[in-house]
């Protein structure tokens, strides 16, 4: 299933026309190649989502929210719930047989992560390491270009030499041959050509100028967007290939250039999408994942790079041999989850995680799993998928892609709750109780609270007139663990010797901490994400949307 949800994976997308039907909406594909599963879930065309960030191009990254900044906006959930949960989540997939939940792709050119911009980062000469957005650069270039005669402080002879050197460059030859039909596109391309000459000349003067190589690569990448898909002279692929060469050179000269690795990965991904599910595409997707990995190593808190990395892995999983697919999918899940934990309201990654879980459920149902005995039942995977899709919709109810996907998976939720499962809890008010006093019981999570569910214990009352033993349920109301969402301060994993063996969970509230233990680490991932998402939805003032989903 899988911008670069690679951001919502449900996989790949284009966001311009949100076409969807109740029956087969296509998810928010922000990567041009949709992971298949017939009967698609909402498919987003790269413009509708681009308002948030998809394959964002240097200047046209339409940013609708700051979570789509080049460096922050880009989808993992291997949430295994205890076996008992199966009784709550049916393995039957209501009307979802073969739905294509395409991930929402968040691939946009790298930007200054903490700024509100979503334009590609450019480096300007004589400005040290200060970065400039593509929009700022193009604006300056336009003013420099004026009536078409760039202003320069160099002599006419120097300018002529530099111009000749640039014109003899293969990359410049490609850019000069680009033909654009509309006036706006032609005006933009003139500026890009001028910028390309500027960087070609800079490299002639200083072959070790990594900023010039990086900026030139962005110009080539941006120029590729001005080329129609059917163009052959030059082709989009030719321009992207040249951009990749420039990124390669920039990173050789400056191995710590995060932005170059990130945008290079996007260029490689764009090339891979043009090749379908071929061996060449597989090699390109692998290269893209390697570059995203390097980008994350250089900037570990880039949720957008993590999301794109997950999307690239999701695409790769559609091509690799079947024996390798599950491992690749689970790695994609881990990247989406990591992105969410860096940015709790990153709805694209949340949605993408839901779609990849949906795809895993489809595969497990079709193949019967790996047979290792550790496979999560398909019904539980479908339920997990629905939780993330419901959360993404709650955070962005205006996205028709999320709405369409939700219609398909809502019935897989344990309504009127968001999640039901088992946790081991101490007696109320005594978290230091002996391990033998901790009890494994059912818990329910909705938009308002996490509540322990205690079944009434029958007790023998005596014998009736016929002499038979008679039992009745106790009417004594027992204290239960209850955590109101509005009182939560934080939710974290917990390793403490005072807790019973297992995956510890600490919910810190205004009244103090609440300690619980999940059945497994996979189950803990599911509880952590679910509780954090419900709290995030509350903090964003969207609890009424979530309430409408699970109680309607």
Protein backbone atom coordinates (compact mmCIF):
# COMPACT_ATOMS: atom_id res chain seq x y z
CA UNK A 1 0.00 0.00 0.00
CA UNK A 2 2.28 3.37 0.45
CA UNK A 3 5.01 12.93 0.38
CA UNK A 4 6.78 10.56 0.16
CA UNK A 5 3.43 10.23 2.45
CA UNK A 6 6.77 9.98 0.87
CA UNK A 7 4.71 13.52 3.71
CA UNK A 8 0.56 9.88 4.65
CA UNK A 9 2.04 4.19 3.38
CA UNK A 10 -1.51 3.64 1.41
CA UNK A 11 1.55 4.64 -0.65
CA UNK A 12 2.84 7.32 -3.06
CA UNK A 13 1.04 10.22 -4.26
CA UNK A 14 0.27 13.09 -6.38
CA UNK A 15 -1.84 15.74 -4.94
CA UNK A 16 -3.74 17.87 -7.31
CA UNK A 17 -7.12 16.46 -7.99
CA UNK A 18 -8.56 14.65 -5.05
CA UNK A 19 -10.63 12.14 -6.78
CA UNK A 20 -12.17 9.57 -4.56
CA UNK A 21 -15.30 7.60 -4.18
CA UNK A 22 -16.69 5.92 -1.14
CA UNK A 23 -15.91 2.62 -2.65
CA UNK A 24 -12.44 3.05 -4.00
CA UNK A 25 -10.82 6.27 -2.90
CA UNK A 26 -7.18 6.43 -3.77
CA UNK A 27 -5.05 7.42 -0.91
CA UNK A 28 -2.74 10.29 -0.79
CA UNK A 29 0.02 9.17 -3.09
CA UNK A 30 2.83 11.53 -3.13
CA UNK A 31 5.12 9.31 -4.96
CA UNK A 32 4.22 8.75 -8.55
CA UNK A 33 4.29 5.04 -8.18
CA UNK A 34 1.39 3.64 -6.25
CA UNK A 35 1.89 0.48 -4.29
CA UNK A 36 -0.81 -1.72 -5.56
CA UNK A 37 -3.76 -3.37 -4.04
CA UNK A 38 -6.63 -3.20 -6.36
CA UNK A 39 -9.60 -1.11 -5.33
CA UNK A 40 -7.56 1.84 -4.30
CA UNK A 41 -7.91 3.88 -1.19
CA UNK A 42 -7.82 7.60 -1.81
CA UNK A 43 -5.18 8.63 -4.22
CA UNK A 44 -3.83 12.08 -3.83
CA UNK A 45 -2.33 13.93 -6.66
CA UNK A 46 0.84 15.79 -5.81
CA UNK A 47 -0.73 19.15 -5.70
CA UNK A 48 -3.43 18.82 -3.23
CA UNK A 49 -0.93 17.48 -0.80
CA UNK A 50 1.71 19.69 -1.95
CA UNK A 51 0.00 22.39 -0.14
CA UNK A 52 1.59 20.59 2.67
CA UNK A 53 4.52 19.04 1.07
CA UNK A 54 4.98 16.36 -1.39
CA UNK A 55 7.66 16.08 -3.94
CA UNK A 56 8.28 19.66 -3.25
CA UNK A 57 10.40 21.43 -5.69
CA UNK A 58 12.73 24.19 -4.68
CA UNK A 59 10.43 27.05 -5.11
CA UNK A 60 7.09 25.52 -5.51
CA UNK A 61 6.88 23.65 -2.34
CA UNK A 62 3.46 24.78 -1.41
CA UNK A 63 3.52 24.83 2.28
CA UNK A 64 0.20 24.66 3.98
CA UNK A 65 1.55 23.66 7.31
CA UNK A 66 4.89 23.91 8.96
CA UNK A 67 5.11 20.19 9.38
CA UNK A 68 5.91 20.11 5.74
CA UNK A 69 9.16 21.92 5.92
CA UNK A 70 11.85 20.38 3.93
CA UNK A 71 13.44 19.13 6.90
CA UNK A 72 10.53 18.36 9.09
CA UNK A 73 7.78 17.09 7.07
CA UNK A 74 8.17 13.64 5.92
CA UNK A 75 6.03 7.85 7.73
CA UNK A 76 5.77 2.59 11.45
CA UNK A 77 3.94 0.59 13.50
CA UNK A 78 4.55 -2.86 14.35
CA UNK A 79 2.07 -2.63 17.12
CA UNK A 80 1.41 -6.11 18.17
CA UNK A 81 -1.51 -6.35 20.46
CA UNK A 82 -2.10 -9.24 22.83
CA UNK A 83 -3.87 -12.29 21.48
CA UNK A 84 -6.97 -11.49 23.49
CA UNK A 85 -7.47 -8.41 21.39
CA UNK A 86 -8.52 -10.59 18.54
CA UNK A 87 -11.84 -11.11 20.19
CA UNK A 88 -12.37 -7.40 19.81
CA UNK A 89 -10.98 -7.00 16.33
CA UNK A 90 -12.48 -9.27 13.78
CA UNK A 91 -10.23 -10.70 11.10
CA UNK A 92 -12.98 -10.02 8.64
CA UNK A 93 -12.24 -7.03 6.46
CA UNK A 94 -15.50 -5.27 5.76
CA UNK A 95 -15.56 -4.14 2.13
CA UNK A 96 -11.83 -3.66 2.20
CA UNK A 97 -10.73 -6.56 0.16
CA UNK A 98 -7.92 -5.31 -1.94
CA UNK A 99 -7.97 -1.66 -1.14
CA UNK A 100 -5.02 0.38 -2.22
CA UNK A 101 -4.10 2.65 0.62
CA UNK A 102 -1.41 4.71 -1.02
CA UNK A 103 0.94 6.49 1.34
CA UNK A 104 1.13 10.18 1.39
CA UNK A 105 4.48 11.24 0.08
CA UNK A 106 6.25 14.17 1.60
CA UNK A 107 9.22 14.60 -0.56
CA UNK A 108 10.14 18.21 -0.69
CA UNK A 109 13.46 19.83 -1.15
CA UNK A 110 15.30 20.29 2.07
CA UNK A 111 14.70 23.53 3.90
CA UNK A 112 15.61 25.16 7.12
CA UNK A 113 13.91 22.83 9.49
CA UNK A 114 12.91 25.22 12.20
CA UNK A 115 11.85 28.04 9.97
CA UNK A 116 8.36 28.41 8.66
CA UNK A 117 9.48 28.15 5.07
CA UNK A 118 9.06 25.21 2.82
CA UNK A 119 11.33 26.35 0.06
CA UNK A 120 14.51 24.63 -0.93
CA UNK A 121 17.62 25.69 0.84
CA UNK A 122 20.12 27.49 -1.30
CA UNK A 123 23.57 28.71 -0.34
CA UNK A 124 24.56 32.12 -1.59
CA UNK A 125 28.04 33.18 -2.47
CA UNK A 126 29.83 35.51 -0.08
CA UNK A 127 27.33 34.75 2.66
CA UNK A 128 29.21 32.06 4.54
CA UNK A 129 26.95 29.20 5.55
CA UNK A 130 23.79 31.21 5.65
CA UNK A 131 21.03 29.46 3.71
CA UNK A 132 18.49 31.03 1.41
CA UNK A 133 15.25 29.62 0.12
CA UNK A 134 14.79 28.98 -3.56
CA UNK A 135 12.18 31.73 -3.63
CA UNK A 136 14.62 34.24 -2.18
CA UNK A 137 17.30 33.19 -4.60
CA UNK A 138 15.04 33.39 -7.64
CA UNK A 139 13.76 36.77 -6.49
CA UNK A 140 17.28 38.10 -6.27
CA UNK A 141 18.23 36.57 -9.59
CA UNK A 142 15.23 38.21 -11.21
CA UNK A 143 16.32 41.58 -9.90
CA UNK A 144 19.86 40.89 -11.05
CA UNK A 145 18.60 39.79 -14.42
CA UNK A 146 16.54 42.92 -14.95
CA UNK A 147 15.81 43.29 -18.63
CA UNK A 148 17.79 40.20 -19.42
CA UNK A 149 21.24 41.70 -18.95
CA UNK A 150 22.58 40.49 -15.62
CA UNK A 151 24.40 43.09 -13.58
CA UNK A 152 27.91 42.11 -12.64
CA UNK A 153 30.98 43.65 -11.14
CA UNK A 154 33.33 41.56 -13.28
CA UNK A 155 34.84 42.82 -16.51
CA UNK A 156 33.13 42.12 -19.86
CA UNK A 157 36.06 39.87 -20.75
CA UNK A 158 35.73 37.82 -17.56
CA UNK A 159 31.99 37.56 -18.03
CA UNK A 160 32.41 36.38 -21.61
CA UNK A 161 34.95 33.72 -20.57
CA UNK A 162 32.70 32.43 -17.82
CA UNK A 163 29.73 32.40 -20.17
CA UNK A 164 31.64 30.38 -22.75
CA UNK A 165 32.78 27.90 -20.10
CA UNK A 166 29.22 27.52 -18.90
CA UNK A 167 27.82 27.05 -22.38
CA UNK A 168 30.32 24.25 -23.03
CA UNK A 169 29.05 22.38 -19.99
CA UNK A 170 26.79 19.32 -20.67
CA UNK A 171 24.45 20.31 -17.84
CA UNK A 172 24.09 23.81 -19.26
CA UNK A 173 23.36 22.32 -22.64
CA UNK A 174 20.44 20.38 -21.13
CA UNK A 175 19.03 23.46 -19.41
CA UNK A 176 19.38 25.60 -22.55
CA UNK A 177 17.34 23.08 -24.54
CA UNK A 178 14.32 23.16 -22.25
CA UNK A 179 11.19 24.39 -24.03
CA UNK A 180 8.33 25.72 -21.89
CA UNK A 181 4.91 26.49 -23.36
CA UNK A 182 3.37 29.00 -20.94
CA UNK A 183 4.70 32.49 -20.33
CA UNK A 184 5.07 32.03 -16.58
CA UNK A 185 7.08 28.87 -17.12
CA UNK A 186 9.31 30.56 -19.70
CA UNK A 187 9.97 33.47 -17.35
CA UNK A 188 10.85 31.09 -14.57
CA UNK A 189 13.10 29.05 -16.82
CA UNK A 190 15.00 32.15 -17.91
CA UNK A 191 15.81 32.82 -14.27
CA UNK A 192 16.89 29.22 -13.78
CA UNK A 193 19.15 29.39 -16.83
CA UNK A 194 20.75 32.56 -15.49
CA UNK A 195 21.27 30.89 -12.10
CA UNK A 196 22.78 27.81 -13.73
CA UNK A 197 25.30 29.97 -15.62
CA UNK A 198 26.15 31.73 -12.40
CA UNK A 199 26.95 28.46 -10.60
CA UNK A 200 28.75 26.97 -13.59
CA UNK A 201 30.98 30.05 -13.62
CA UNK A 202 31.51 29.82 -9.85
CA UNK A 203 32.71 26.25 -10.24
CA UNK A 204 35.02 27.28 -13.07
CA UNK A 205 36.61 29.76 -10.70
CA UNK A 206 36.65 27.38 -7.74
CA UNK A 207 36.22 23.65 -8.47
CA UNK A 208 36.01 22.96 -4.72
CA UNK A 209 32.97 25.15 -4.11
CA UNK A 210 30.53 22.60 -2.66
CA UNK A 211 27.81 25.26 -2.21
CA UNK A 212 27.91 26.03 -5.93
CA UNK A 213 27.59 22.32 -6.78
CA UNK A 214 24.70 21.97 -4.35
CA UNK A 215 22.84 25.02 -5.66
CA UNK A 216 23.42 23.99 -9.26
CA UNK A 217 21.95 20.57 -8.47
CA UNK A 218 18.84 22.29 -7.09
CA UNK A 219 18.56 24.38 -10.26
CA UNK A 220 18.71 21.19 -12.38
CA UNK A 221 16.14 19.53 -10.15
CA UNK A 222 13.87 22.54 -10.41
CA UNK A 223 14.35 22.66 -14.18
CA UNK A 224 13.24 19.03 -14.37
CA UNK A 225 9.87 20.20 -13.08
CA UNK A 226 9.55 22.53 -16.03
CA UNK A 227 9.91 19.60 -18.42
CA UNK A 228 6.83 17.65 -19.47
CA UNK A 229 6.83 13.94 -18.76
CA UNK A 230 6.91 13.08 -22.48
CA UNK A 231 9.77 15.43 -23.33
CA UNK A 232 12.77 13.70 -24.87
CA UNK A 233 15.16 16.56 -25.51
CA UNK A 234 16.00 17.03 -22.78
CA UNK A 235 14.12 14.46 -20.72
CA UNK A 236 13.20 14.89 -17.08
CA UNK A 237 15.40 11.91 -16.32
CA UNK A 238 18.43 13.52 -18.02
CA UNK A 239 18.09 16.62 -15.85
CA UNK A 240 17.63 14.60 -12.67
CA UNK A 241 20.65 12.47 -13.53
CA UNK A 242 22.78 15.60 -13.90
CA UNK A 243 21.39 16.91 -10.61
CA UNK A 244 22.43 13.67 -8.93
CA UNK A 245 25.96 14.10 -10.27
CA UNK A 246 26.14 17.59 -8.78
CA UNK A 247 24.85 16.36 -5.42
CA UNK A 248 27.42 13.57 -5.53
CA UNK A 249 30.19 16.10 -6.08
CA UNK A 250 28.85 18.43 -3.39
CA UNK A 251 28.80 15.65 -0.80
CA UNK A 252 32.27 14.49 -1.85
CA UNK A 253 33.57 17.98 -1.14
CA UNK A 254 31.47 18.39 2.02
CA UNK A 255 30.44 15.01 3.52
CA UNK A 256 28.37 16.71 6.23
CA UNK A 257 25.99 18.50 3.85
CA UNK A 258 22.64 17.18 5.10
CA UNK A 259 20.55 19.14 2.59
CA UNK A 260 22.47 17.64 -0.33
CA UNK A 261 21.91 14.05 0.81
CA UNK A 262 18.22 14.76 1.43
CA UNK A 263 17.51 16.42 -1.91
CA UNK A 264 19.71 13.91 -3.73
CA UNK A 265 17.52 11.13 -2.33
CA UNK A 266 14.44 12.92 -3.68
CA UNK A 267 15.99 13.23 -7.14
CA UNK A 268 16.88 9.53 -7.13
CA UNK A 269 13.34 8.65 -5.99
CA UNK A 270 11.90 10.68 -8.88
CA UNK A 271 14.10 8.74 -11.30
CA UNK A 272 13.03 5.43 -9.73
CA UNK A 273 9.34 6.27 -10.14
CA UNK A 274 9.85 6.58 -13.90
CA UNK A 275 11.05 2.97 -14.09
CA UNK A 276 8.13 1.11 -12.55
CA UNK A 277 8.94 -2.18 -10.85
CA UNK A 278 12.13 -3.02 -12.67
CA UNK A 279 15.54 -4.11 -11.47
CA UNK A 280 16.88 -0.66 -12.29
CA UNK A 281 14.13 0.92 -10.17
CA UNK A 282 15.01 -1.41 -7.30
CA UNK A 283 18.63 -0.25 -7.42
CA UNK A 284 17.55 3.39 -7.47
CA UNK A 285 15.17 2.96 -4.53
CA UNK A 286 18.00 1.31 -2.62
CA UNK A 287 20.25 4.28 -3.40
CA UNK A 288 17.51 6.65 -2.23
CA UNK A 289 17.15 4.81 1.10
CA UNK A 290 20.91 4.95 1.57
CA UNK A 291 20.92 8.72 1.08
CA UNK A 292 17.98 9.24 3.42
CA UNK A 293 19.88 7.19 5.99
CA UNK A 294 22.90 9.48 5.61
CA UNK A 295 20.66 12.53 5.89
CA UNK A 296 19.16 11.21 9.14
CA UNK A 297 22.62 10.43 10.49
CA UNK A 298 23.55 14.06 9.91
CA UNK A 299 20.26 15.43 11.21
CA UNK A 300 18.68 12.84 13.48
CA UNK A 301 15.66 15.03 14.34
CA UNK A 302 14.43 15.41 10.76
CA UNK A 303 10.96 13.86 10.82
CA UNK A 304 10.56 14.65 7.14
CA UNK A 305 13.67 12.69 6.15
CA UNK A 306 12.48 9.76 8.27
CA UNK A 307 9.07 9.86 6.61
CA UNK A 308 10.60 9.94 3.13
CA UNK A 309 12.93 7.13 4.10
CA UNK A 310 9.91 5.05 5.09
CA UNK A 311 8.21 5.84 1.78
CA UNK A 312 11.28 4.82 -0.21
CA UNK A 313 11.41 1.56 1.73
CA UNK A 314 7.74 1.02 1.06
CA UNK A 315 8.31 1.45 -2.65
CA UNK A 316 11.29 -0.89 -2.45
CA UNK A 317 9.15 -3.53 -0.75
CA UNK A 318 6.97 -3.69 -3.86
CA UNK A 319 9.95 -4.78 -5.97
CA UNK A 320 12.21 -6.95 -3.80
CA UNK A 321 11.79 -10.75 -3.75
CA UNK A 322 8.90 -11.98 -1.61
CA UNK A 323 11.24 -13.47 1.01
CA UNK A 324 12.69 -10.00 1.67
CA UNK A 325 9.47 -8.02 1.57
CA UNK A 326 8.35 -8.34 5.20
CA UNK A 327 11.73 -7.23 6.52
CA UNK A 328 11.68 -4.13 4.28
CA UNK A 329 8.08 -3.33 5.27
CA UNK A 330 8.86 -3.60 8.98
CA UNK A 331 11.84 -1.31 8.52
CA UNK A 332 9.53 1.20 6.79
CA UNK A 333 7.18 0.93 9.76
CA UNK A 334 10.03 1.77 12.13
CA UNK A 335 10.90 4.90 10.13
CA UNK A 336 7.32 6.18 10.07
CA UNK A 337 7.02 5.56 13.79
CA UNK A 338 10.29 7.38 14.46
CA UNK A 339 9.01 10.36 12.44
CA UNK A 340 5.81 10.47 14.48
CA UNK A 341 7.68 10.33 17.77
CA UNK A 342 9.71 13.33 16.72
CA UNK A 343 6.59 15.24 15.70
CA UNK A 344 3.40 13.91 17.30
CA UNK A 345 1.08 15.84 14.98
CA UNK A 346 2.89 14.87 11.76
CA UNK A 347 -0.32 13.67 10.12
CA UNK A 348 1.38 12.61 6.90
CA UNK A 349 3.63 10.12 8.68
CA UNK A 350 0.66 9.01 10.82
CA UNK A 351 -1.39 8.34 7.70
CA UNK A 352 1.53 6.59 5.96
CA UNK A 353 2.00 4.34 8.97
CA UNK A 354 -1.66 3.40 8.76
CA UNK A 355 -1.36 2.52 5.10
CA UNK A 356 1.77 0.41 5.50
CA UNK A 357 0.10 -1.52 8.32
CA UNK A 358 -2.92 -2.03 6.10
CA UNK A 359 -0.67 -3.44 3.39
CA UNK A 360 1.01 -5.74 5.90
CA UNK A 361 -2.42 -6.98 7.00
CA UNK A 362 -3.31 -7.72 3.37
CA UNK A 363 -0.09 -9.65 2.84
CA UNK A 364 -0.48 -11.59 6.08
CA UNK A 365 -4.06 -12.52 5.23
CA UNK A 366 -3.05 -13.61 1.73
CA UNK A 367 0.05 -15.61 2.65
CA UNK A 368 -0.84 -16.77 6.13
CA UNK A 369 2.19 -15.00 7.58
CA UNK A 370 5.72 -16.26 8.01
CA UNK A 371 4.66 -19.24 10.08
CA UNK A 372 7.02 -18.23 12.89
CA UNK A 373 4.22 -18.06 15.42
CA UNK A 374 5.07 -14.41 16.12
CA UNK A 375 2.94 -12.92 13.35
CA UNK A 376 0.35 -10.36 14.39
CA UNK A 377 -3.12 -11.55 13.32
CA UNK A 378 -4.47 -9.73 10.24
CA UNK A 379 -7.49 -8.49 12.19
CA UNK A 380 -5.28 -6.74 14.68
CA UNK A 381 -3.15 -5.21 11.92
CA UNK A 382 -6.29 -3.86 10.26
CA UNK A 383 -7.39 -2.37 13.58
CA UNK A 384 -3.99 -0.74 14.10
CA UNK A 385 -4.14 0.65 10.57
CA UNK A 386 -7.56 2.16 11.31
CA UNK A 387 -6.25 3.86 14.47
CA UNK A 388 -3.56 5.76 12.56
CA UNK A 389 -5.87 6.69 9.70
CA UNK A 390 -8.51 7.92 12.17
CA UNK A 391 -5.84 9.98 13.95
CA UNK A 392 -4.60 11.51 10.68
CA UNK A 393 -8.17 12.43 9.75
CA UNK A 394 -8.78 13.94 13.19
CA UNK A 395 -5.71 16.17 12.81
CA UNK A 396 -6.57 17.13 9.22
CA UNK A 397 -10.32 16.60 8.74
CA UNK A 398 -10.28 18.74 5.59
CA UNK A 399 -8.16 16.22 3.66
CA UNK A 400 -10.49 14.24 1.47
CA UNK A 401 -7.87 11.51 1.07
CA UNK A 402 -7.94 10.85 4.80
CA UNK A 403 -11.73 10.98 4.84
CA UNK A 404 -12.03 8.43 2.05
CA UNK A 405 -9.53 6.09 3.66
CA UNK A 406 -11.33 6.40 6.99
CA UNK A 407 -14.64 5.36 5.44
CA UNK A 408 -12.99 2.15 4.37
CA UNK A 409 -11.35 1.27 7.67
CA UNK A 410 -13.60 2.78 10.35
CA UNK A 411 -15.52 -0.47 10.89
CA UNK A 412 -12.23 -2.14 11.82
CA UNK A 413 -12.02 -0.05 14.99
CA UNK A 414 -13.38 -1.56 18.26
CA UNK A 415 -16.18 1.04 18.28
CA UNK A 416 -17.23 2.94 20.35
CA UNK A 417 -13.56 2.90 21.40
CA UNK A 418 -10.38 3.68 19.53
CA UNK A 419 -8.38 0.83 21.04
CA UNK A 420 -9.03 -2.12 23.31
CA UNK A 421 -6.34 -4.41 24.65
CA UNK A 422 -4.68 -5.90 27.67
CA UNK A 423 -2.26 -4.33 30.14
CA UNK A 424 -0.97 -5.49 33.51
CA UNK A 425 -1.80 -3.00 36.27
CA UNK A 426 -1.15 -2.74 40.03
CA UNK A 427 -3.88 -2.29 42.62
CA UNK A 428 -5.19 1.27 42.36
CA UNK A 429 -3.03 3.67 44.32
CA UNK A 430 -0.28 1.15 45.06
CA UNK A 431 2.23 1.03 42.23
CA UNK A 432 4.78 -0.52 44.61
CA UNK A 433 2.60 -3.55 45.28
CA UNK A 434 4.23 -6.99 45.02
CA UNK A 435 4.33 -8.32 41.50
CA UNK A 436 1.86 -11.04 42.46
CA UNK A 437 -0.78 -8.36 43.10
CA UNK A 438 -0.53 -6.90 39.60
CA UNK A 439 -3.34 -8.15 37.37
CA UNK A 440 -3.56 -8.42 33.59
CA UNK A 441 -6.87 -6.83 32.64
CA UNK A 442 -8.60 -5.25 29.69
CA UNK A 443 -8.26 -1.53 28.99
CA UNK A 444 -10.32 0.73 26.74
CA UNK A 445 -9.11 3.94 25.11
CA UNK A 446 -11.38 6.57 23.61
CA UNK A 447 -11.16 10.32 23.00
CA UNK A 448 -11.64 11.12 26.71
CA UNK A 449 -9.80 8.56 28.79
CA UNK A 450 -7.97 5.27 29.24
CA UNK A 451 -10.04 3.01 31.49
CA UNK A 452 -9.39 -0.35 33.11
CA UNK A 453 -12.29 -2.74 32.64
CA UNK A 454 -12.89 -5.10 35.55
CA UNK A 455 -15.35 -7.92 35.06
CA UNK A 456 -17.66 -8.56 38.02
CA UNK A 457 -16.50 -11.61 39.97
CA UNK A 458 -19.27 -14.11 40.74
CA UNK A 459 -19.38 -15.50 44.27
CA UNK A 460 -21.37 -18.29 45.80
CA UNK A 461 -24.18 -16.99 47.96
CA UNK A 462 -25.39 -20.29 49.40
CA UNK A 463 -27.90 -22.91 48.41
CA UNK A 464 -31.45 -22.39 47.27
CA UNK A 465 -34.47 -24.31 48.50
CA UNK A 466 -33.78 -27.22 46.17
CA UNK A 467 -30.31 -27.56 47.65
CA UNK A 468 -28.43 -26.37 44.58
CA UNK A 469 -25.61 -23.89 44.88
CA UNK A 470 -26.58 -20.43 43.71
CA UNK A 471 -24.15 -17.73 42.56
CA UNK A 472 -24.59 -14.02 42.14
CA UNK A 473 -22.37 -11.26 40.84
CA UNK A 474 -20.94 -8.94 43.42
CA UNK A 475 -22.36 -5.47 43.44
CA UNK A 476 -19.31 -4.01 45.13
CA UNK A 477 -17.78 -1.48 42.79
CA UNK A 478 -14.04 -1.97 42.55
CA UNK A 479 -11.62 0.86 42.00
CA UNK A 480 -10.19 0.89 38.53
CA UNK A 481 -7.28 2.59 36.81
CA UNK A 482 -8.58 5.62 34.97
CA UNK A 483 -6.50 8.22 33.14
CA UNK A 484 -8.26 11.28 31.74
CA UNK A 485 -6.66 12.53 28.52
CA UNK A 486 -6.88 16.13 29.73
CA UNK A 487 -4.71 15.26 32.75
CA UNK A 488 -1.83 13.64 30.86
CA UNK A 489 1.59 15.29 31.05
CA UNK A 490 3.66 12.70 29.17
CA UNK A 491 3.65 9.09 27.99
CA UNK A 492 6.91 7.16 27.94
CA UNK A 493 8.41 3.70 28.11
CA UNK A 494 9.61 2.72 31.54
CA UNK A 495 12.29 0.33 32.77
CA UNK A 496 12.04 -0.07 36.52
CA UNK A 497 12.83 -2.99 38.82
CA UNK A 498 9.68 -2.29 40.80
CA UNK A 499 7.58 -3.22 37.75
CA UNK A 500 6.78 -6.81 36.80
CA UNK A 501 8.88 -8.20 33.92
CA UNK A 502 7.77 -6.91 30.53
CA UNK A 503 7.39 -3.75 28.50
CA UNK A 504 6.82 -0.96 31.00
CA UNK A 505 4.64 2.08 30.30
CA UNK A 506 4.54 5.26 32.37
CA UNK A 507 1.72 7.76 31.96
CA UNK A 508 2.62 10.88 33.91
CA UNK A 509 -0.46 12.88 34.93
CA UNK A 510 -1.14 16.00 36.98
CA UNK A 511 -1.98 13.63 39.85
CA UNK A 512 1.20 11.60 39.54
CA UNK A 513 2.49 8.71 37.41
CA UNK A 514 0.50 5.65 36.40
CA UNK A 515 2.54 2.52 35.71
CA UNK A 516 1.38 -0.28 33.43
CA UNK A 517 3.03 -3.23 31.66
CA UNK A 518 2.23 -4.30 28.09
CA UNK A 519 2.26 -7.91 26.92
CA UNK A 520 5.16 -7.32 24.51
CA UNK A 521 7.33 -4.54 23.11
CA UNK A 522 5.28 -4.56 19.94
CA UNK A 523 2.12 -4.18 21.98
CA UNK A 524 3.75 -1.35 23.92
CA UNK A 525 4.46 0.51 20.66
CA UNK A 526 0.76 0.39 19.84
CA UNK A 527 -0.31 1.70 23.25
CA UNK A 528 2.33 4.45 23.26
CA UNK A 529 1.28 5.71 19.85
CA UNK A 530 -2.45 5.47 20.52
CA UNK A 531 -2.35 7.36 23.84
CA UNK A 532 0.04 10.01 22.49
CA UNK A 533 -2.08 10.51 19.39
CA UNK A 534 -5.29 10.93 21.40
CA UNK A 535 -3.54 13.47 23.62
CA UNK A 536 -2.10 15.31 20.61
CA UNK A 537 -5.54 15.46 19.01
CA UNK A 538 -6.89 16.91 22.27
CA UNK A 539 -4.03 19.43 22.46
CA UNK A 540 -4.79 20.56 18.89
CA UNK A 541 -8.44 21.09 19.77
CA UNK A 542 -9.67 18.25 17.53
CA UNK A 543 -11.15 15.87 20.13
CA UNK A 544 -14.63 16.48 18.77
CA UNK A 545 -13.52 15.14 15.39
CA UNK A 546 -12.18 11.95 16.96
CA UNK A 547 -15.31 11.64 19.08
CA UNK A 548 -17.41 11.85 15.93
CA UNK A 549 -15.42 9.00 14.38
CA UNK A 550 -15.73 6.51 17.23
CA UNK A 551 -19.14 7.40 18.67
CA UNK A 552 -21.18 8.26 15.58
